[in-house]
Amino acid sequence: MEFTAVFEKVPEGYIAFVEELPGANTQGDTLEEARENLLEAIQLVMEANRALAEESIKSPAEDPGR
């Protein structure tokens, strides 16, 4: 899966985000730090989205709380 990463220089360093993936945004003092932080943010958002998707497709028999 490919995403477009956007990096912007700001007075405090860099901000970074992925428009196609809401919640995948970060900042860093350097461009390299922003890149590393964005990779981590993407991974965390993807893991959370996967968990939510798995939860939503469980059948009622598998989830007695429903």
Foldseek 3Di string as FASTA:
>chain_A
DDFDKDWDQDPQAIKIATPVQPQQIDGDNYPVRRVVSSVVRVVVSVVVVVVVVVVVPDDCVVPVVD
